[in-house]
Amino acid sequence: MTIWASRRGNPGGSPEAARKALNKDTILEMHRAFKLGGRKAIEKVMRNQPAVFLKLLVLLVPREMQVEHSGGVKAMSDEEIEQAIEAIQTMLAVQAEKTQIIEATAEPTALPGPTEVRQLQRKRSECRGEANLSSLSKSP
């Protein structure tokens, strides 16, 4: 220890430096632990504690994400546009290969008329044991 270190107000160093060192050490140790068994641990938590897994995911995502629009197509060169078109065409071709097309034609069917609908309703109500009010006779 130097003569100047003993005269300072904070012999342990600044709190900011201590916090940075602790963060660095913690991240290095977490990285080492992840390399040893991180994937298995994540899969176990995902399977056994989905709420904890979801909370961890949410904590990793930044609260506010800056999205900057940079020129778009206008800023692209002709080569870049052609490459982008080729990439899109390739993606569409792959998707088309995965898609199963079913060819069929619809056959028109006639809807039942009002009389048929009333008959069906009557049958349903009789099957349910409901009394048909129109068939009841008036008591004298």
C-alpha atoms as a PDB file:
ATOM      1  CA  MET A   1       0.000   0.000   0.000  1.00  0.00           C
ATOM      2  CA  THR A   2       1.371   3.382  -0.904  1.00  0.00           C
ATOM      3  CA  ILE A   3       1.380   6.409   1.307  1.00  0.00           C
ATOM      4  CA  TRP A   4      -1.340   8.000  -0.855  1.00  0.00           C
ATOM      5  CA  ALA A   5      -3.658   5.004  -0.673  1.00  0.00           C
ATOM      6  CA  SER A   6      -3.797   5.175   3.117  1.00  0.00           C
ATOM      7  CA  ARG A   7      -4.817   8.831   3.031  1.00  0.00           C
ATOM      8  CA  ARG A   8      -7.726   8.455   0.653  1.00  0.00           C
ATOM      9  CA  GLY A   9     -11.276   8.583   1.958  1.00  0.00           C
ATOM     10  CA  ASN A  10     -12.194   5.174   0.401  1.00  0.00           C
ATOM     11  CA  PRO A  11      -9.334   2.688   0.739  1.00  0.00           C
ATOM     12  CA  GLY A  12     -11.322  -0.084  -0.987  1.00  0.00           C
ATOM     13  CA  GLY A  13     -11.749   1.878  -4.198  1.00  0.00           C
ATOM     14  CA  SER A  14     -14.821   3.466  -5.725  1.00  0.00           C
ATOM     15  CA  PRO A  15     -18.208   1.745  -5.496  1.00  0.00           C
ATOM     16  CA  GLU A  16     -18.528   1.951  -9.295  1.00  0.00           C
ATOM     17  CA  ALA A  17     -15.244   0.075  -9.806  1.00  0.00           C
ATOM     18  CA  ALA A  18     -16.258  -2.553  -7.253  1.00  0.00           C
ATOM     19  CA  ARG A  19     -19.644  -2.998  -8.952  1.00  0.00           C
ATOM     20  CA  LYS A  20     -18.019  -3.364 -12.380  1.00  0.00           C
ATOM     21  CA  ALA A  21     -15.548  -5.939 -11.049  1.00  0.00           C
ATOM     22  CA  LEU A  22     -18.352  -7.904  -9.362  1.00  0.00           C
ATOM     23  CA  ASN A  23     -20.465  -7.834 -12.551  1.00  0.00           C
ATOM     24  CA  LYS A  24     -17.491  -8.985 -14.614  1.00  0.00           C
ATOM     25  CA  ASP A  25     -16.676 -11.862 -12.239  1.00  0.00           C
ATOM     26  CA  THR A  26     -20.327 -12.915 -12.024  1.00  0.00           C
ATOM     27  CA  ILE A  27     -20.779 -12.932 -15.794  1.00  0.00           C
ATOM     28  CA  LEU A  28     -17.550 -14.919 -16.290  1.00  0.00           C
ATOM     29  CA  GLU A  29     -18.624 -17.526 -13.700  1.00  0.00           C
ATOM     30  CA  MET A  30     -22.143 -17.758 -15.153  1.00  0.00           C
ATOM     31  CA  HIS A  31     -20.630 -18.267 -18.597  1.00  0.00           C
ATOM     32  CA  ARG A  32     -18.410 -21.054 -17.242  1.00  0.00           C
ATOM     33  CA  ALA A  33     -21.405 -22.708 -15.546  1.00  0.00           C
ATOM     34  CA  PHE A  34     -23.469 -22.415 -18.720  1.00  0.00           C
ATOM     35  CA  LYS A  35     -20.765 -24.181 -20.718  1.00  0.00           C
ATOM     36  CA  LEU A  36     -20.802 -27.050 -18.204  1.00  0.00           C
ATOM     37  CA  GLY A  37     -24.543 -27.748 -18.155  1.00  0.00           C
ATOM     38  CA  GLY A  38     -26.517 -24.712 -19.202  1.00  0.00           C
ATOM     39  CA  ARG A  39     -28.487 -26.240 -22.048  1.00  0.00           C
ATOM     40  CA  LYS A  40     -29.675 -29.158 -19.906  1.00  0.00           C
ATOM     41  CA  ALA A  41     -30.577 -26.813 -17.057  1.00  0.00           C
ATOM     42  CA  ILE A  42     -32.570 -24.566 -19.376  1.00  0.00           C
ATOM     43  CA  GLU A  43     -34.441 -27.540 -20.828  1.00  0.00           C
ATOM     44  CA  LYS A  44     -35.211 -28.828 -17.310  1.00  0.00           C
ATOM     45  CA  VAL A  45     -36.561 -25.446 -16.181  1.00  0.00           C
ATOM     46  CA  MET A  46     -38.552 -25.088 -19.411  1.00  0.00           C
ATOM     47  CA  ARG A  47     -40.144 -28.513 -18.847  1.00  0.00           C
ATOM     48  CA  ASN A  48     -40.675 -28.411 -15.065  1.00  0.00           C
ATOM     49  CA  GLN A  49     -41.181 -24.697 -14.359  1.00  0.00           C
ATOM     50  CA  PRO A  50     -42.541 -22.950 -17.466  1.00  0.00           C
ATOM     51  CA  ALA A  51     -43.467 -19.800 -15.498  1.00  0.00           C
ATOM     52  CA  VAL A  52     -39.861 -19.365 -14.305  1.00  0.00           C
ATOM     53  CA  PHE A  53     -38.599 -20.033 -17.827  1.00  0.00           C
ATOM     54  CA  LEU A  54     -40.943 -17.376 -19.253  1.00  0.00           C
ATOM     55  CA  LYS A  55     -39.877 -14.872 -16.587  1.00  0.00           C
ATOM     56  CA  LEU A  56     -36.225 -15.414 -17.492  1.00  0.00           C
ATOM     57  CA  LEU A  57     -36.998 -14.839 -21.153  1.00  0.00           C
ATOM     58  CA  VAL A  58     -38.828 -11.610 -20.347  1.00  0.00           C
ATOM     59  CA  LEU A  59     -35.924 -10.401 -18.227  1.00  0.00           C
ATOM     60  CA  LEU A  60     -33.510 -10.987 -21.116  1.00  0.00           C
ATOM     61  CA  VAL A  61     -35.539  -8.943 -23.596  1.00  0.00           C
ATOM     62  CA  PRO A  62     -34.838  -5.205 -23.417  1.00  0.00           C
ATOM     63  CA  ARG A  63     -37.755  -3.069 -22.196  1.00  0.00           C
ATOM     64  CA  GLU A  64     -37.386  -0.560 -24.978  1.00  0.00           C
ATOM     65  CA  MET A  65     -35.958  -1.527 -28.293  1.00  0.00           C
ATOM     66  CA  GLN A  66     -34.698   1.130 -30.638  1.00  0.00           C
ATOM     67  CA  VAL A  67     -35.661   0.430 -34.226  1.00  0.00           C
ATOM     68  CA  GLU A  68     -34.076   2.686 -36.760  1.00  0.00           C
ATOM     69  CA  HIS A  69     -35.236   2.760 -40.334  1.00  0.00           C
ATOM     70  CA  SER A  70     -32.330   3.215 -42.685  1.00  0.00           C
ATOM     71  CA  GLY A  71     -33.244   4.111 -46.221  1.00  0.00           C
ATOM     72  CA  GLY A  72     -34.853   0.799 -47.123  1.00  0.00           C
ATOM     73  CA  VAL A  73     -34.924  -0.114 -50.786  1.00  0.00           C
ATOM     74  CA  LYS A  74     -33.906   3.386 -51.862  1.00  0.00           C
ATOM     75  CA  ALA A  75     -30.563   2.997 -50.081  1.00  0.00           C
ATOM     76  CA  MET A  76     -29.872  -0.420 -51.656  1.00  0.00           C
ATOM     77  CA  SER A  77     -27.705  -0.905 -54.703  1.00  0.00           C
ATOM     78  CA  ASP A  78     -29.025  -2.772 -57.753  1.00  0.00           C
ATOM     79  CA  GLU A  79     -26.994  -5.841 -56.721  1.00  0.00           C
ATOM     80  CA  GLU A  80     -28.440  -5.795 -53.212  1.00  0.00           C
ATOM     81  CA  ILE A  81     -31.985  -5.528 -54.591  1.00  0.00           C
ATOM     82  CA  GLU A  82     -31.375  -8.448 -56.953  1.00  0.00           C
ATOM     83  CA  GLN A  83     -29.930 -10.531 -54.100  1.00  0.00           C
ATOM     84  CA  ALA A  84     -32.926  -9.699 -51.919  1.00  0.00           C
ATOM     85  CA  ILE A  85     -35.334 -10.715 -54.705  1.00  0.00           C
ATOM     86  CA  GLU A  86     -33.461 -14.002 -55.192  1.00  0.00           C
ATOM     87  CA  ALA A  87     -33.582 -14.695 -51.450  1.00  0.00           C
ATOM     88  CA  ILE A  88     -37.342 -14.037 -51.372  1.00  0.00           C
ATOM     89  CA  GLN A  89     -37.911 -16.252 -54.406  1.00  0.00           C
ATOM     90  CA  THR A  90     -35.889 -19.037 -52.768  1.00  0.00           C
ATOM     91  CA  MET A  91     -37.910 -18.742 -49.552  1.00  0.00           C
ATOM     92  CA  LEU A  92     -41.167 -18.839 -51.524  1.00  0.00           C
ATOM     93  CA  ALA A  93     -40.014 -21.897 -53.475  1.00  0.00           C
ATOM     94  CA  VAL A  94     -39.123 -23.735 -50.258  1.00  0.00           C
ATOM     95  CA  GLN A  95     -42.505 -22.801 -48.782  1.00  0.00           C
ATOM     96  CA  ALA A  96     -44.281 -23.977 -51.952  1.00  0.00           C
ATOM     97  CA  GLU A  97     -42.531 -27.363 -51.716  1.00  0.00           C
ATOM     98  CA  LYS A  98     -43.780 -27.778 -48.142  1.00  0.00           C
ATOM     99  CA  THR A  99     -47.335 -26.766 -49.053  1.00  0.00           C
ATOM    100  CA  GLN A 100     -49.787 -29.494 -49.945  1.00  0.00           C
ATOM    101  CA  ILE A 101     -52.337 -28.413 -52.550  1.00  0.00           C
ATOM    102  CA  ILE A 102     -55.740 -30.067 -52.569  1.00  0.00           C
ATOM    103  CA  GLU A 103     -57.726 -29.633 -55.746  1.00  0.00           C
ATOM    104  CA  ALA A 104     -61.486 -29.972 -55.426  1.00  0.00           C
ATOM    105  CA  THR A 105     -64.689 -28.418 -56.654  1.00  0.00           C
ATOM    106  CA  ALA A 106     -67.587 -27.404 -54.479  1.00  0.00           C
ATOM    107  CA  GLU A 107     -70.908 -29.007 -55.245  1.00  0.00           C
ATOM    108  CA  PRO A 108     -73.987 -26.858 -54.758  1.00  0.00           C
ATOM    109  CA  THR A 109     -76.597 -28.163 -52.371  1.00  0.00           C
ATOM    110  CA  ALA A 110     -80.158 -27.022 -51.896  1.00  0.00           C
ATOM    111  CA  LEU A 111     -81.225 -25.608 -48.572  1.00  0.00           C
ATOM    112  CA  PRO A 112     -84.389 -27.015 -46.997  1.00  0.00           C
ATOM    113  CA  GLY A 113     -87.559 -25.035 -47.521  1.00  0.00           C
ATOM    114  CA  PRO A 114     -89.560 -23.451 -44.674  1.00  0.00           C
ATOM    115  CA  THR A 115     -91.884 -26.462 -44.377  1.00  0.00           C
ATOM    116  CA  GLU A 116     -88.973 -28.871 -44.065  1.00  0.00           C
ATOM    117  CA  VAL A 117     -87.356 -26.653 -41.441  1.00  0.00           C
ATOM    118  CA  ARG A 118     -90.543 -26.643 -39.335  1.00  0.00           C
ATOM    119  CA  GLN A 119     -90.773 -30.445 -39.596  1.00  0.00           C
ATOM    120  CA  LEU A 120     -87.161 -30.807 -38.458  1.00  0.00           C
ATOM    121  CA  GLN A 121     -87.773 -28.463 -35.543  1.00  0.00           C
ATOM    122  CA  ARG A 122     -90.852 -30.454 -34.527  1.00  0.00           C
ATOM    123  CA  LYS A 123     -88.907 -33.718 -34.633  1.00  0.00           C
ATOM    124  CA  ARG A 124     -86.119 -32.237 -32.520  1.00  0.00           C
ATOM    125  CA  SER A 125     -88.506 -30.921 -29.905  1.00  0.00           C
ATOM    126  CA  GLU A 126     -90.327 -34.290 -29.771  1.00  0.00           C
ATOM    127  CA  CYS A 127     -87.015 -36.101 -29.336  1.00  0.00           C
ATOM    128  CA  ARG A 128     -86.144 -33.806 -26.425  1.00  0.00           C
ATOM    129  CA  GLY A 129     -89.540 -34.455 -24.835  1.00  0.00           C
ATOM    130  CA  GLU A 130     -90.711 -30.896 -25.252  1.00  0.00           C
ATOM    131  CA  ALA A 131     -94.418 -30.396 -25.571  1.00  0.00           C
ATOM    132  CA  ASN A 132     -95.626 -29.036 -28.847  1.00  0.00           C
ATOM    133  CA  LEU A 133     -97.944 -26.178 -27.868  1.00  0.00           C
ATOM    134  CA  SER A 134     -99.932 -26.277 -31.100  1.00  0.00           C
ATOM    135  CA  SER A 135    -100.840 -29.944 -30.632  1.00  0.00           C
ATOM    136  CA  LEU A 136    -102.192 -29.459 -27.115  1.00  0.00           C
ATOM    137  CA  SER A 137    -105.947 -29.275 -26.971  1.00  0.00           C
ATOM    138  CA  LYS A 138    -107.605 -26.554 -25.061  1.00  0.00           C
ATOM    139  CA  SER A 139    -109.171 -27.697 -21.858  1.00  0.00           C
ATOM    140  CA  PRO A 140    -112.958 -27.017 -21.499  1.00  0.00           C
END
